[in-house]
Amino acid sequence: MTEPDELDIPQLQEEGAVCDYALGVLTVKLRIPGAQSLKDKRHVVKSTLANVRKKFSVSAAEIDSLDNLRLAGLAFSFVANDRRLVNSVLSKALDYIESNPESEVIAHEIDVS
């Protein structure tokens, strides 16, 4: 068996062993106007993360404004072999998040590389 440090990456790429892929990241800044406590905020954030993970098969995490009562920074990532698919999935996830009446999207960015 070949050790990881002995792999010849250029040779593997020529042989097709290393795949091309597209990685997309959606970052969203939410305002949660109805939150009266961190518990209220946590409920909205956790349900948003869980629902988007389940519906779109993305990775998701709260990444910013952790201690701010009415703001939340969320990030979602998706990997596939087609940039258009990645962009489509993340755009649909954003539409879904924007449809949540418990929060308001105040900023977002989709980056596909």
C-alpha atoms as a PDB file:
ATOM      1  CA  MET A   1       0.000   0.000   0.000  1.00  0.00           C
ATOM      2  CA  THR A   2       1.274   3.475  -0.877  1.00  0.00           C
ATOM      3  CA  GLU A   3       1.834   5.909   1.962  1.00  0.00           C
ATOM      4  CA  PRO A   4       0.106   9.323   1.593  1.00  0.00           C
ATOM      5  CA  ASP A   5       3.430  11.167   1.277  1.00  0.00           C
ATOM      6  CA  GLU A   6       4.431   8.830  -1.592  1.00  0.00           C
ATOM      7  CA  LEU A   7       1.409   9.620  -3.798  1.00  0.00           C
ATOM      8  CA  ASP A   8       2.186  11.169  -7.153  1.00  0.00           C
ATOM      9  CA  ILE A   9      -0.697  13.671  -7.420  1.00  0.00           C
ATOM     10  CA  PRO A  10       0.035  14.853 -11.003  1.00  0.00           C
ATOM     11  CA  GLN A  11       0.105  11.212 -12.155  1.00  0.00           C
ATOM     12  CA  LEU A  12      -3.155  10.484 -10.333  1.00  0.00           C
ATOM     13  CA  GLN A  13      -4.794  13.519 -11.962  1.00  0.00           C
ATOM     14  CA  GLU A  14      -3.680  12.328 -15.406  1.00  0.00           C
ATOM     15  CA  GLU A  15      -5.119   8.879 -14.676  1.00  0.00           C
ATOM     16  CA  GLY A  16      -8.441  10.399 -13.583  1.00  0.00           C
ATOM     17  CA  ALA A  17      -8.144   9.281  -9.965  1.00  0.00           C
ATOM     18  CA  VAL A  18      -8.610  12.823  -8.637  1.00  0.00           C
ATOM     19  CA  CYS A  19     -11.964  14.334  -9.536  1.00  0.00           C
ATOM     20  CA  ASP A  20     -12.823  17.885 -10.445  1.00  0.00           C
ATOM     21  CA  TYR A  21     -15.276  19.358  -8.000  1.00  0.00           C
ATOM     22  CA  ALA A  22     -17.082  22.551  -7.137  1.00  0.00           C
ATOM     23  CA  LEU A  23     -17.340  23.806  -3.572  1.00  0.00           C
ATOM     24  CA  GLY A  24     -19.933  26.392  -2.685  1.00  0.00           C
ATOM     25  CA  VAL A  25     -20.421  28.397   0.471  1.00  0.00           C
ATOM     26  CA  LEU A  26     -23.509  30.419   1.307  1.00  0.00           C
ATOM     27  CA  THR A  27     -23.146  32.907   4.153  1.00  0.00           C
ATOM     28  CA  VAL A  28     -26.258  34.544   5.550  1.00  0.00           C
ATOM     29  CA  LYS A  29     -26.752  37.282   8.118  1.00  0.00           C
ATOM     30  CA  LEU A  30     -30.166  37.038   9.773  1.00  0.00           C
ATOM     31  CA  ARG A  31     -32.146  39.475  11.867  1.00  0.00           C
ATOM     32  CA  ILE A  32     -34.435  37.744  14.346  1.00  0.00           C
ATOM     33  CA  PRO A  33     -36.826  40.519  15.442  1.00  0.00           C
ATOM     34  CA  GLY A  34     -39.009  38.351  17.689  1.00  0.00           C
ATOM     35  CA  ALA A  35     -36.178  37.076  19.879  1.00  0.00           C
ATOM     36  CA  GLN A  36     -36.595  38.179  23.480  1.00  0.00           C
ATOM     37  CA  SER A  37     -33.856  35.904  24.811  1.00  0.00           C
ATOM     38  CA  LEU A  38     -30.926  33.825  23.585  1.00  0.00           C
ATOM     39  CA  LYS A  39     -33.228  30.827  23.968  1.00  0.00           C
ATOM     40  CA  ASP A  40     -35.645  32.365  21.436  1.00  0.00           C
ATOM     41  CA  LYS A  41     -32.755  33.065  19.058  1.00  0.00           C
ATOM     42  CA  ARG A  42     -31.361  29.549  19.514  1.00  0.00           C
ATOM     43  CA  HIS A  43     -34.755  28.075  18.598  1.00  0.00           C
ATOM     44  CA  VAL A  44     -34.868  29.988  15.284  1.00  0.00           C
ATOM     45  CA  VAL A  45     -31.210  29.298  14.454  1.00  0.00           C
ATOM     46  CA  LYS A  46     -31.301  25.590  15.295  1.00  0.00           C
ATOM     47  CA  SER A  47     -34.528  24.987  13.381  1.00  0.00           C
ATOM     48  CA  THR A  48     -33.221  26.918  10.364  1.00  0.00           C
ATOM     49  CA  LEU A  49     -29.945  24.965  10.337  1.00  0.00           C
ATOM     50  CA  ALA A  50     -31.705  21.598  10.777  1.00  0.00           C
ATOM     51  CA  ASN A  51     -34.371  22.257   8.148  1.00  0.00           C
ATOM     52  CA  VAL A  52     -31.890  23.497   5.521  1.00  0.00           C
ATOM     53  CA  ARG A  53     -29.531  20.554   6.219  1.00  0.00           C
ATOM     54  CA  LYS A  54     -32.370  18.076   5.790  1.00  0.00           C
ATOM     55  CA  LYS A  55     -34.013  19.663   2.737  1.00  0.00           C
ATOM     56  CA  PHE A  56     -30.854  20.474   0.742  1.00  0.00           C
ATOM     57  CA  SER A  57     -28.214  18.006   2.041  1.00  0.00           C
ATOM     58  CA  VAL A  58     -25.795  20.787   2.939  1.00  0.00           C
ATOM     59  CA  SER A  59     -23.397  21.260   5.820  1.00  0.00           C
ATOM     60  CA  ALA A  60     -24.472  24.100   8.099  1.00  0.00           C
ATOM     61  CA  ALA A  61     -23.247  26.030  11.121  1.00  0.00           C
ATOM     62  CA  GLU A  62     -23.775  29.224  13.080  1.00  0.00           C
ATOM     63  CA  ILE A  63     -20.567  31.194  12.557  1.00  0.00           C
ATOM     64  CA  ASP A  64     -21.129  34.787  13.678  1.00  0.00           C
ATOM     65  CA  SER A  65     -23.011  37.002  16.154  1.00  0.00           C
ATOM     66  CA  LEU A  66     -23.216  34.158  18.652  1.00  0.00           C
ATOM     67  CA  ASP A  67     -23.948  36.415  21.620  1.00  0.00           C
ATOM     68  CA  ASN A  68     -26.105  38.943  19.798  1.00  0.00           C
ATOM     69  CA  LEU A  69     -29.749  38.493  20.711  1.00  0.00           C
ATOM     70  CA  ARG A  70     -31.273  39.502  17.388  1.00  0.00           C
ATOM     71  CA  LEU A  71     -28.575  38.731  14.821  1.00  0.00           C
ATOM     72  CA  ALA A  72     -27.192  35.424  13.551  1.00  0.00           C
ATOM     73  CA  GLY A  73     -24.471  34.587  11.048  1.00  0.00           C
ATOM     74  CA  LEU A  74     -24.966  31.241   9.336  1.00  0.00           C
ATOM     75  CA  ALA A  75     -22.912  29.358   6.751  1.00  0.00           C
ATOM     76  CA  PHE A  76     -23.899  26.502   4.451  1.00  0.00           C
ATOM     77  CA  SER A  77     -21.639  24.472   2.166  1.00  0.00           C
ATOM     78  CA  PHE A  78     -22.250  22.056  -0.668  1.00  0.00           C
ATOM     79  CA  VAL A  79     -19.872  20.040  -2.862  1.00  0.00           C
ATOM     80  CA  ALA A  80     -20.642  18.480  -6.242  1.00  0.00           C
ATOM     81  CA  ASN A  81     -18.994  17.872  -9.593  1.00  0.00           C
ATOM     82  CA  ASP A  82     -21.006  20.624 -11.318  1.00  0.00           C
ATOM     83  CA  ARG A  83     -20.729  24.349 -10.499  1.00  0.00           C
ATOM     84  CA  ARG A  84     -24.263  25.005 -11.767  1.00  0.00           C
ATOM     85  CA  LEU A  85     -25.669  22.376  -9.421  1.00  0.00           C
ATOM     86  CA  VAL A  86     -23.788  23.856  -6.459  1.00  0.00           C
ATOM     87  CA  ASN A  87     -25.026  27.355  -7.259  1.00  0.00           C
ATOM     88  CA  SER A  88     -28.581  26.105  -7.769  1.00  0.00           C
ATOM     89  CA  VAL A  89     -28.698  24.200  -4.473  1.00  0.00           C
ATOM     90  CA  LEU A  90     -27.330  27.136  -2.496  1.00  0.00           C
ATOM     91  CA  SER A  91     -29.675  29.606  -4.234  1.00  0.00           C
ATOM     92  CA  LYS A  92     -32.655  27.406  -3.397  1.00  0.00           C
ATOM     93  CA  ALA A  93     -31.437  27.133   0.197  1.00  0.00           C
ATOM     94  CA  LEU A  94     -31.284  30.941   0.354  1.00  0.00           C
ATOM     95  CA  ASP A  95     -34.838  31.207  -1.024  1.00  0.00           C
ATOM     96  CA  TYR A  96     -35.986  28.754   1.634  1.00  0.00           C
ATOM     97  CA  ILE A  97     -34.271  30.733   4.407  1.00  0.00           C
ATOM     98  CA  GLU A  98     -35.799  33.972   3.103  1.00  0.00           C
ATOM     99  CA  SER A  99     -39.269  32.410   3.307  1.00  0.00           C
ATOM    100  CA  ASN A 100     -38.972  31.886   7.088  1.00  0.00           C
ATOM    101  CA  PRO A 101     -41.306  34.388   8.802  1.00  0.00           C
ATOM    102  CA  GLU A 102     -39.309  34.183  12.064  1.00  0.00           C
ATOM    103  CA  SER A 103     -36.208  35.793  10.542  1.00  0.00           C
ATOM    104  CA  GLU A 104     -35.134  38.304   7.915  1.00  0.00           C
ATOM    105  CA  VAL A 105     -32.110  37.929   5.646  1.00  0.00           C
ATOM    106  CA  ILE A 106     -30.201  41.220   5.863  1.00  0.00           C
ATOM    107  CA  ALA A 107     -27.094  40.111   3.933  1.00  0.00           C
ATOM    108  CA  HIS A 108     -25.944  37.066   2.005  1.00  0.00           C
ATOM    109  CA  GLU A 109     -23.172  35.861  -0.267  1.00  0.00           C
ATOM    110  CA  ILE A 110     -22.770  32.771  -2.427  1.00  0.00           C
ATOM    111  CA  ASP A 111     -19.215  31.817  -3.382  1.00  0.00           C
ATOM    112  CA  VAL A 112     -18.606  28.861  -5.701  1.00  0.00           C
ATOM    113  CA  SER A 113     -15.071  27.763  -6.524  1.00  0.00           C
END
